[in-house]
Amino acid sequence: MSPRPHGVGAVGDRTRENIRFVRTLRRYTLEDLSDRLTLFDRPLSEQVIGDIERGRRRIDVDDLVAIAEALGVSPSALLGTNSVLDVFRDAVDYGMVEGARRIRKNGVRS
């Protein structure tokens, strides 16, 4: 019996969403991120990055670290909830004023 392939789980989904979010926030195209990854000696094609972002490809730890470096964030920021990314996403989603109120009320958890 052949092993059953594992799909992308909840952490993988959150990670891919965070990768796309930060890439878009930085205004990087898939090509830009691919070029930056090459500079970090971890070349990934635009197709592979797109597949990661769409959940069609699982991300390994080495790719995660390189993508985080290329995006200028920590790997844990791409993995986690209740991170600075979540607070910033709230600020973008609810408007800067409402986001600032939430930060003041709840603090920033990283």
C-alpha atoms as a PDB file:
ATOM      1  CA  MET A   1       0.000   0.000   0.000  1.00  0.00           C
ATOM      2  CA  SER A   2       1.458   3.381  -0.958  1.00  0.00           C
ATOM      3  CA  PRO A   3       1.535   6.192   1.597  1.00  0.00           C
ATOM      4  CA  ARG A   4      -1.279   8.685   1.404  1.00  0.00           C
ATOM      5  CA  PRO A   5      -0.119  12.195   0.469  1.00  0.00           C
ATOM      6  CA  HIS A   6      -0.627  14.757   3.200  1.00  0.00           C
ATOM      7  CA  GLY A   7      -2.491  17.917   2.319  1.00  0.00           C
ATOM      8  CA  VAL A   8      -1.793  21.370   3.639  1.00  0.00           C
ATOM      9  CA  GLY A   9      -3.086  21.720   7.203  1.00  0.00           C
ATOM     10  CA  ALA A  10      -4.229  24.717   9.239  1.00  0.00           C
ATOM     11  CA  VAL A  11      -0.711  25.987   9.974  1.00  0.00           C
ATOM     12  CA  GLY A  12       0.209  25.568   6.307  1.00  0.00           C
ATOM     13  CA  ASP A  13      -2.877  27.527   5.269  1.00  0.00           C
ATOM     14  CA  ARG A  14      -2.077  30.328   7.698  1.00  0.00           C
ATOM     15  CA  THR A  15       1.553  30.378   6.545  1.00  0.00           C
ATOM     16  CA  ARG A  16       0.690  30.587   2.861  1.00  0.00           C
ATOM     17  CA  GLU A  17      -1.824  33.360   3.554  1.00  0.00           C
ATOM     18  CA  ASN A  18       0.819  35.266   5.520  1.00  0.00           C
ATOM     19  CA  ILE A  19       3.370  34.822   2.717  1.00  0.00           C
ATOM     20  CA  ARG A  20       0.943  36.259   0.176  1.00  0.00           C
ATOM     21  CA  PHE A  21      -0.085  39.037   2.591  1.00  0.00           C
ATOM     22  CA  VAL A  22       3.489  40.190   3.263  1.00  0.00           C
ATOM     23  CA  ARG A  23       4.495  39.833  -0.399  1.00  0.00           C
ATOM     24  CA  THR A  24       1.540  41.988  -1.430  1.00  0.00           C
ATOM     25  CA  LEU A  25       2.179  44.452   1.385  1.00  0.00           C
ATOM     26  CA  ARG A  26       5.759  44.853   0.164  1.00  0.00           C
ATOM     27  CA  ARG A  27       4.405  45.199  -3.372  1.00  0.00           C
ATOM     28  CA  TYR A  28       6.535  42.317  -4.588  1.00  0.00           C
ATOM     29  CA  THR A  29       5.391  40.348  -7.589  1.00  0.00           C
ATOM     30  CA  LEU A  30       5.988  36.616  -7.702  1.00  0.00           C
ATOM     31  CA  GLU A  31       8.934  37.416  -9.972  1.00  0.00           C
ATOM     32  CA  ASP A  32      10.343  39.909  -7.438  1.00  0.00           C
ATOM     33  CA  LEU A  33      10.172  37.343  -4.632  1.00  0.00           C
ATOM     34  CA  SER A  34      11.698  34.675  -6.861  1.00  0.00           C
ATOM     35  CA  ASP A  35      14.594  37.019  -7.687  1.00  0.00           C
ATOM     36  CA  ARG A  36      15.122  37.830  -3.995  1.00  0.00           C
ATOM     37  CA  LEU A  37      15.121  34.133  -3.099  1.00  0.00           C
ATOM     38  CA  THR A  38      17.855  33.545  -5.668  1.00  0.00           C
ATOM     39  CA  LEU A  39      19.953  36.159  -3.843  1.00  0.00           C
ATOM     40  CA  PHE A  40      19.476  34.080  -0.666  1.00  0.00           C
ATOM     41  CA  ASP A  41      20.752  30.957  -2.489  1.00  0.00           C
ATOM     42  CA  ARG A  42      17.309  29.352  -2.373  1.00  0.00           C
ATOM     43  CA  PRO A  43      16.005  29.781  -5.921  1.00  0.00           C
ATOM     44  CA  LEU A  44      12.290  29.088  -6.249  1.00  0.00           C
ATOM     45  CA  SER A  45      10.414  29.763  -9.454  1.00  0.00           C
ATOM     46  CA  GLU A  46       7.399  32.034  -9.664  1.00  0.00           C
ATOM     47  CA  GLN A  47       5.323  28.900 -10.319  1.00  0.00           C
ATOM     48  CA  VAL A  48       6.523  27.211  -7.130  1.00  0.00           C
ATOM     49  CA  ILE A  49       5.889  30.330  -5.022  1.00  0.00           C
ATOM     50  CA  GLY A  50       2.425  30.670  -6.559  1.00  0.00           C
ATOM     51  CA  ASP A  51       1.719  27.007  -5.823  1.00  0.00           C
ATOM     52  CA  ILE A  52       2.773  27.538  -2.190  1.00  0.00           C
ATOM     53  CA  GLU A  53       0.513  30.585  -1.887  1.00  0.00           C
ATOM     54  CA  ARG A  54      -2.438  28.704  -3.389  1.00  0.00           C
ATOM     55  CA  GLY A  55      -1.922  25.660  -1.161  1.00  0.00           C
ATOM     56  CA  ARG A  56      -1.007  23.385  -4.047  1.00  0.00           C
ATOM     57  CA  ARG A  57       2.479  22.793  -2.684  1.00  0.00           C
ATOM     58  CA  ARG A  58       3.660  22.219   0.865  1.00  0.00           C
ATOM     59  CA  ILE A  59       6.481  24.404   2.099  1.00  0.00           C
ATOM     60  CA  ASP A  60       9.542  22.893   3.733  1.00  0.00           C
ATOM     61  CA  VAL A  61      11.481  24.522   6.563  1.00  0.00           C
ATOM     62  CA  ASP A  62      14.390  25.644   4.372  1.00  0.00           C
ATOM     63  CA  ASP A  63      12.005  27.348   1.936  1.00  0.00           C
ATOM     64  CA  LEU A  64      10.112  28.965   4.812  1.00  0.00           C
ATOM     65  CA  VAL A  65      13.284  30.464   6.289  1.00  0.00           C
ATOM     66  CA  ALA A  66      14.448  31.753   2.894  1.00  0.00           C
ATOM     67  CA  ILE A  67      11.035  33.246   2.065  1.00  0.00           C
ATOM     68  CA  ALA A  68      10.905  34.946   5.461  1.00  0.00           C
ATOM     69  CA  GLU A  69      14.391  36.428   4.917  1.00  0.00           C
ATOM     70  CA  ALA A  70      13.476  37.568   1.413  1.00  0.00           C
ATOM     71  CA  LEU A  71      10.317  39.240   2.757  1.00  0.00           C
ATOM     72  CA  GLY A  72      12.143  40.798   5.719  1.00  0.00           C
ATOM     73  CA  VAL A  73      10.152  39.037   8.454  1.00  0.00           C
ATOM     74  CA  SER A  74      10.887  36.190  10.851  1.00  0.00           C
ATOM     75  CA  PRO A  75       9.797  32.656  10.012  1.00  0.00           C
ATOM     76  CA  SER A  76       7.656  32.644  13.168  1.00  0.00           C
ATOM     77  CA  ALA A  77       5.802  35.713  11.905  1.00  0.00           C
ATOM     78  CA  LEU A  78       4.795  33.743   8.813  1.00  0.00           C
ATOM     79  CA  LEU A  79       3.786  30.712  10.893  1.00  0.00           C
ATOM     80  CA  GLY A  80       2.024  32.185  13.852  1.00  0.00           C
ATOM     81  CA  THR A  81      -1.180  33.730  14.967  1.00  0.00           C
ATOM     82  CA  ASN A  82      -1.312  36.665  17.372  1.00  0.00           C
ATOM     83  CA  SER A  83       1.767  38.080  15.703  1.00  0.00           C
ATOM     84  CA  VAL A  84       2.587  41.577  14.590  1.00  0.00           C
ATOM     85  CA  LEU A  85       1.275  40.518  11.173  1.00  0.00           C
ATOM     86  CA  ASP A  86      -2.144  39.814  12.682  1.00  0.00           C
ATOM     87  CA  VAL A  87      -2.188  43.211  14.389  1.00  0.00           C
ATOM     88  CA  PHE A  88      -1.166  44.931  11.183  1.00  0.00           C
ATOM     89  CA  ARG A  89      -3.741  42.948   9.202  1.00  0.00           C
ATOM     90  CA  ASP A  90      -6.366  44.144  11.698  1.00  0.00           C
ATOM     91  CA  ALA A  91      -5.200  47.713  11.182  1.00  0.00           C
ATOM     92  CA  VAL A  92      -5.527  47.341   7.414  1.00  0.00           C
ATOM     93  CA  ASP A  93      -8.872  45.518   7.622  1.00  0.00           C
ATOM     94  CA  TYR A  94     -10.525  47.868  10.100  1.00  0.00           C
ATOM     95  CA  GLY A  95      -8.827  51.103   9.165  1.00  0.00           C
ATOM     96  CA  MET A  96      -5.846  52.669  10.823  1.00  0.00           C
ATOM     97  CA  VAL A  97      -7.843  54.342  13.586  1.00  0.00           C
ATOM     98  CA  GLU A  98      -9.618  51.165  14.654  1.00  0.00           C
ATOM     99  CA  GLY A  99      -6.350  49.225  14.369  1.00  0.00           C
ATOM    100  CA  ALA A 100      -4.579  51.735  16.582  1.00  0.00           C
ATOM    101  CA  ARG A 101      -7.369  51.415  19.155  1.00  0.00           C
ATOM    102  CA  ARG A 102      -6.984  47.619  19.201  1.00  0.00           C
ATOM    103  CA  ILE A 103      -3.209  47.905  19.615  1.00  0.00           C
ATOM    104  CA  ARG A 104      -3.648  50.337  22.502  1.00  0.00           C
ATOM    105  CA  LYS A 105      -6.270  48.143  24.148  1.00  0.00           C
ATOM    106  CA  ASN A 106      -4.707  44.692  23.591  1.00  0.00           C
ATOM    107  CA  GLY A 107      -1.019  45.437  23.038  1.00  0.00           C
ATOM    108  CA  VAL A 108       1.135  43.810  20.402  1.00  0.00           C
ATOM    109  CA  ARG A 109       1.899  40.110  20.816  1.00  0.00           C
ATOM    110  CA  SER A 110       4.755  38.715  18.786  1.00  0.00           C
END
